[in-house]
Amino acid sequence: MLDDAALADPEIATQVGRAGSARVEPPPSGAAAAVRVVVSITHTIGGLAIDESARVLGVDGLYAVGVDAGGIATGGYASGLAQALVLGLVAAESAVAA
């Protein structure tokens, strides 16, 4: 939910137009702006192929974590935040060791 002043910004108006299902409504009393949140897919279940140290296969010095790391959620949805926390630590330890 954005007010007329926010929609006057061409970049915001373009983003709202791309959203498709966005509704423009006045913000609640006392708020400068509000955002309508709807359920949707947050990321694809795929990503870059990594090894057990979170290194991207075939690219020296590059690590991938979170939803950018592929092959983790092959059986269904898995939280990107959990993937980022666990693989972030693995990637950091691998990078320091390298």
N, C-alpha and C. Protein backbone atom coordinates (compact mmCIF):
# COMPACT_ATOMS: atom_id res chain seq x y z
N MET A 1 0.84 -1.16 0.00
CA MET A 1 0.00 0.00 0.00
C MET A 1 0.89 1.23 0.00
N LEU A 2 0.76 2.01 -1.02
CA LEU A 2 1.56 3.21 -1.16
C LEU A 2 0.65 4.41 -1.40
N ASP A 3 1.07 5.55 -0.89
CA ASP A 3 0.26 6.75 -1.12
C ASP A 3 0.63 7.40 -2.45
N ASP A 4 -0.11 8.45 -2.82
CA ASP A 4 0.12 9.12 -4.10
C ASP A 4 1.51 9.71 -4.21
N ALA A 5 2.05 10.22 -3.10
CA ALA A 5 3.39 10.80 -3.13
C ALA A 5 4.44 9.75 -3.50
N ALA A 6 4.31 8.57 -2.93
CA ALA A 6 5.26 7.50 -3.24
C ALA A 6 5.13 7.07 -4.70
N LEU A 7 3.90 6.99 -5.19
CA LEU A 7 3.69 6.56 -6.58
C LEU A 7 4.12 7.61 -7.59
N ALA A 8 4.37 8.83 -7.13
CA ALA A 8 4.86 9.87 -8.03
C ALA A 8 6.30 9.57 -8.46
N ASP A 9 7.00 8.77 -7.68
CA ASP A 9 8.37 8.37 -8.04
C ASP A 9 8.26 7.34 -9.17
N PRO A 10 8.82 7.64 -10.35
CA PRO A 10 8.68 6.73 -11.50
C PRO A 10 9.21 5.32 -11.22
N GLU A 11 10.28 5.19 -10.46
CA GLU A 11 10.83 3.87 -10.18
C GLU A 11 9.86 3.04 -9.33
N ILE A 12 9.26 3.65 -8.32
CA ILE A 12 8.29 2.93 -7.48
C ILE A 12 7.06 2.58 -8.30
N ALA A 13 6.59 3.51 -9.10
CA ALA A 13 5.41 3.23 -9.94
C ALA A 13 5.67 2.07 -10.89
N THR A 14 6.87 2.00 -11.45
CA THR A 14 7.22 0.90 -12.34
C THR A 14 7.23 -0.42 -11.59
N GLN A 15 7.81 -0.44 -10.39
CA GLN A 15 7.85 -1.67 -9.60
C GLN A 15 6.45 -2.13 -9.22
N VAL A 16 5.59 -1.20 -8.85
CA VAL A 16 4.21 -1.55 -8.52
C VAL A 16 3.51 -2.12 -9.74
N GLY A 17 3.75 -1.53 -10.90
CA GLY A 17 3.16 -2.04 -12.13
C GLY A 17 3.61 -3.45 -12.46
N ARG A 18 4.86 -3.76 -12.18
CA ARG A 18 5.38 -5.10 -12.44
C ARG A 18 4.78 -6.14 -11.50
N ALA A 19 4.41 -5.72 -10.30
CA ALA A 19 3.90 -6.65 -9.30
C ALA A 19 2.58 -7.27 -9.74
N GLY A 20 1.82 -6.58 -10.53
CA GLY A 20 0.58 -7.13 -11.07
C GLY A 20 -0.56 -7.15 -10.09
N SER A 21 -0.39 -7.82 -8.96
CA SER A 21 -1.49 -7.96 -8.01
C SER A 21 -1.46 -6.88 -6.93
N ALA A 22 -0.55 -5.93 -7.04
CA ALA A 22 -0.45 -4.89 -6.02
C ALA A 22 -1.68 -4.00 -6.04
N ARG A 23 -2.15 -3.65 -4.86
CA ARG A 23 -3.26 -2.71 -4.74
C ARG A 23 -2.71 -1.44 -4.10
N VAL A 24 -3.13 -0.32 -4.61
CA VAL A 24 -2.70 0.95 -4.05
C VAL A 24 -3.82 1.47 -3.16
N GLU A 25 -3.50 1.67 -1.90
CA GLU A 25 -4.47 2.15 -0.93
C GLU A 25 -3.79 3.17 -0.02
N PRO A 26 -4.57 4.00 0.63
CA PRO A 26 -3.95 4.94 1.56
C PRO A 26 -3.32 4.18 2.73
N PRO A 27 -2.17 4.68 3.25
CA PRO A 27 -1.56 4.01 4.39
C PRO A 27 -2.41 4.18 5.64
N PRO A 28 -2.27 3.29 6.61
CA PRO A 28 -3.02 3.43 7.86
C PRO A 28 -2.70 4.76 8.54
N SER A 29 -3.60 5.21 9.36
CA SER A 29 -3.41 6.47 10.08
C SER A 29 -2.09 6.45 10.85
N GLY A 30 -1.30 7.50 10.68
CA GLY A 30 -0.04 7.62 11.39
C GLY A 30 1.14 6.99 10.69
N ALA A 31 0.91 6.26 9.60
CA ALA A 31 2.01 5.62 8.87
C ALA A 31 2.34 6.43 7.61
N ALA A 32 3.61 6.49 7.27
CA ALA A 32 4.02 7.19 6.05
C ALA A 32 3.74 6.33 4.82
N ALA A 33 3.90 5.03 4.97
CA ALA A 33 3.66 4.10 3.86
C ALA A 33 3.41 2.72 4.43
N ALA A 34 2.81 1.87 3.65
CA ALA A 34 2.57 0.49 4.06
C ALA A 34 2.78 -0.41 2.86
N VAL A 35 3.11 -1.65 3.11
CA VAL A 35 3.33 -2.61 2.05
C VAL A 35 2.38 -3.79 2.26
N ARG A 36 1.66 -4.13 1.23
CA ARG A 36 0.77 -5.30 1.29
C ARG A 36 1.61 -6.54 1.02
N VAL A 37 1.57 -7.50 1.91
CA VAL A 37 2.35 -8.72 1.77
C VAL A 37 1.42 -9.86 1.41
N VAL A 38 1.82 -10.62 0.39
CA VAL A 38 1.02 -11.77 -0.03
C VAL A 38 1.92 -12.99 -0.09
N VAL A 39 1.32 -14.15 0.04
CA VAL A 39 2.07 -15.40 -0.05
C VAL A 39 2.50 -15.61 -1.49
N SER A 40 3.75 -16.03 -1.67
CA SER A 40 4.25 -16.33 -3.01
C SER A 40 5.51 -17.18 -2.89
N ILE A 41 6.00 -17.63 -4.01
CA ILE A 41 7.26 -18.37 -4.03
C ILE A 41 8.38 -17.38 -3.81
N THR A 42 9.26 -17.68 -2.85
CA THR A 42 10.33 -16.74 -2.53
C THR A 42 11.61 -17.00 -3.31
N HIS A 43 11.79 -18.20 -3.77
CA HIS A 43 12.97 -18.52 -4.57
C HIS A 43 12.74 -19.83 -5.29
N THR A 44 13.51 -20.02 -6.31
CA THR A 44 13.45 -21.30 -6.99
C THR A 44 14.23 -22.31 -6.16
N ILE A 45 13.96 -23.55 -6.33
CA ILE A 45 14.70 -24.57 -5.59
C ILE A 45 15.76 -25.11 -6.53
N GLY A 46 16.83 -24.38 -6.60
CA GLY A 46 17.94 -24.71 -7.49
C GLY A 46 19.10 -23.81 -7.13
N GLY A 47 20.06 -23.70 -7.98
CA GLY A 47 21.19 -22.83 -7.71
C GLY A 47 22.47 -23.42 -8.24
N LEU A 48 23.57 -22.84 -7.78
CA LEU A 48 24.88 -23.26 -8.24
C LEU A 48 25.30 -24.57 -7.57
N ALA A 49 25.95 -25.44 -8.34
CA ALA A 49 26.44 -26.71 -7.79
C ALA A 49 27.65 -26.41 -6.90
N ILE A 50 27.60 -26.93 -5.67
CA ILE A 50 28.68 -26.71 -4.71
C ILE A 50 29.20 -28.04 -4.19
N ASP A 51 30.41 -27.99 -3.59
CA ASP A 51 30.94 -29.18 -2.94
C ASP A 51 30.65 -29.10 -1.44
N GLU A 52 31.21 -30.02 -0.65
CA GLU A 52 30.94 -30.07 0.79
C GLU A 52 31.51 -28.87 1.56
N SER A 53 32.33 -28.07 0.90
CA SER A 53 32.89 -26.87 1.54
C SER A 53 32.22 -25.60 1.06
N ALA A 54 31.11 -25.72 0.34
CA ALA A 54 30.33 -24.62 -0.22
C ALA A 54 31.03 -23.91 -1.36
N ARG A 55 32.06 -24.54 -1.94
CA ARG A 55 32.75 -23.97 -3.10
C ARG A 55 31.95 -24.28 -4.35
N VAL A 56 31.79 -23.27 -5.21
CA VAL A 56 31.08 -23.48 -6.48
C VAL A 56 31.95 -24.35 -7.37
N LEU A 57 31.37 -25.41 -7.88
CA LEU A 57 32.12 -26.33 -8.73
C LEU A 57 32.53 -25.66 -10.03
N GLY A 58 33.81 -25.78 -10.35
CA GLY A 58 34.32 -25.25 -11.60
C GLY A 58 34.70 -23.78 -11.58
N VAL A 59 34.58 -23.11 -10.42
CA VAL A 59 34.94 -21.69 -10.33
C VAL A 59 35.82 -21.50 -9.09
N ASP A 60 37.10 -21.30 -9.31
CA ASP A 60 38.02 -21.15 -8.18
C ASP A 60 37.72 -19.90 -7.37
N GLY A 61 37.70 -20.06 -6.04
CA GLY A 61 37.54 -18.93 -5.13
C GLY A 61 36.13 -18.41 -4.95
N LEU A 62 35.14 -19.09 -5.50
CA LEU A 62 33.75 -18.64 -5.37
C LEU A 62 32.97 -19.63 -4.50
N TYR A 63 32.23 -19.08 -3.54
CA TYR A 63 31.42 -19.87 -2.64
C TYR A 63 29.96 -19.50 -2.83
N ALA A 64 29.05 -20.41 -2.56
CA ALA A 64 27.61 -20.13 -2.65
C ALA A 64 26.93 -20.67 -1.40
N VAL A 65 26.02 -19.87 -0.84
CA VAL A 65 25.28 -20.28 0.34
C VAL A 65 23.82 -19.87 0.18
N GLY A 66 22.97 -20.30 1.09
CA GLY A 66 21.55 -19.93 1.05
C GLY A 66 20.88 -20.47 -0.19
N VAL A 67 19.96 -19.70 -0.73
CA VAL A 67 19.20 -20.16 -1.89
C VAL A 67 20.02 -20.17 -3.17
N ASP A 68 21.24 -19.59 -3.12
CA ASP A 68 22.12 -19.62 -4.28
C ASP A 68 22.86 -20.94 -4.43
N ALA A 69 22.82 -21.77 -3.39
CA ALA A 69 23.47 -23.07 -3.42
C ALA A 69 22.45 -24.12 -3.86
N GLY A 70 22.75 -24.82 -4.91
CA GLY A 70 21.82 -25.81 -5.44
C GLY A 70 22.00 -27.19 -4.84
N GLY A 71 21.00 -28.03 -5.04
CA GLY A 71 21.07 -29.41 -4.62
C GLY A 71 20.76 -29.65 -3.16
N ILE A 72 20.29 -28.65 -2.44
CA ILE A 72 20.00 -28.81 -1.01
C ILE A 72 18.55 -29.22 -0.82
N ALA A 73 17.65 -28.55 -1.50
CA ALA A 73 16.22 -28.76 -1.30
C ALA A 73 15.64 -29.58 -2.44
N THR A 74 16.18 -30.74 -2.67
CA THR A 74 15.72 -31.54 -3.81
C THR A 74 14.40 -32.26 -3.54
N GLY A 75 14.02 -32.38 -2.25
CA GLY A 75 12.79 -33.09 -1.93
C GLY A 75 11.63 -32.16 -1.60
N GLY A 76 11.83 -30.86 -1.67
CA GLY A 76 10.78 -29.91 -1.34
C GLY A 76 11.37 -28.65 -0.77
N TYR A 77 10.53 -27.83 -0.20
CA TYR A 77 10.97 -26.53 0.29
C TYR A 77 11.90 -26.67 1.49
N ALA A 78 12.96 -25.88 1.49
CA ALA A 78 13.86 -25.76 2.64
C ALA A 78 14.15 -24.28 2.80
N SER A 79 14.21 -23.82 4.01
CA SER A 79 14.41 -22.41 4.28
C SER A 79 15.74 -21.90 3.75
N GLY A 80 15.71 -20.83 2.98
CA GLY A 80 16.93 -20.20 2.50
C GLY A 80 17.75 -19.63 3.64
N LEU A 81 17.07 -19.18 4.70
CA LEU A 81 17.79 -18.64 5.85
C LEU A 81 18.59 -19.74 6.55
N ALA A 82 18.00 -20.89 6.74
CA ALA A 82 18.72 -22.00 7.36
C ALA A 82 19.91 -22.41 6.50
N GLN A 83 19.71 -22.47 5.20
CA GLN A 83 20.81 -22.80 4.29
C GLN A 83 21.91 -21.76 4.38
N ALA A 84 21.55 -20.50 4.48
CA ALA A 84 22.54 -19.43 4.57
C ALA A 84 23.33 -19.51 5.87
N LEU A 85 22.65 -19.79 6.97
CA LEU A 85 23.33 -19.87 8.26
C LEU A 85 24.32 -21.03 8.30
N VAL A 86 23.87 -22.20 7.89
CA VAL A 86 24.73 -23.37 7.95
C VAL A 86 25.85 -23.29 6.92
N LEU A 87 25.50 -23.05 5.67
CA LEU A 87 26.52 -23.00 4.63
C LEU A 87 27.40 -21.76 4.73
N GLY A 88 26.88 -20.69 5.30
CA GLY A 88 27.70 -19.49 5.49
C GLY A 88 28.88 -19.78 6.39
N LEU A 89 28.64 -20.51 7.47
CA LEU A 89 29.71 -20.90 8.38
C LEU A 89 30.69 -21.85 7.67
N VAL A 90 30.16 -22.82 6.95
CA VAL A 90 31.02 -23.75 6.21
C VAL A 90 31.88 -23.00 5.20
N ALA A 91 31.27 -22.08 4.45
CA ALA A 91 32.01 -21.31 3.45
C ALA A 91 33.08 -20.44 4.11
N ALA A 92 32.74 -19.79 5.21
CA ALA A 92 33.70 -18.94 5.90
C ALA A 92 34.90 -19.75 6.38
N GLU A 93 34.64 -20.91 6.99
CA GLU A 93 35.72 -21.75 7.48
C GLU A 93 36.58 -22.26 6.32
N SER A 94 35.94 -22.59 5.20
CA SER A 94 36.68 -23.06 4.03
C SER A 94 37.55 -21.95 3.44
N ALA A 95 36.99 -20.74 3.37
CA ALA A 95 37.75 -19.62 2.80
C ALA A 95 38.95 -19.27 3.68
N VAL A 96 38.77 -19.30 4.99
CA VAL A 96 39.88 -19.00 5.90
C VAL A 96 40.96 -20.07 5.79
N ALA A 97 40.54 -21.33 5.69
CA ALA A 97 41.49 -22.43 5.58
C ALA A 97 42.27 -22.36 4.26
N ALA A 98 41.64 -21.84 3.22
CA ALA A 98 42.29 -21.75 1.91
C ALA A 98 43.34 -20.66 1.94
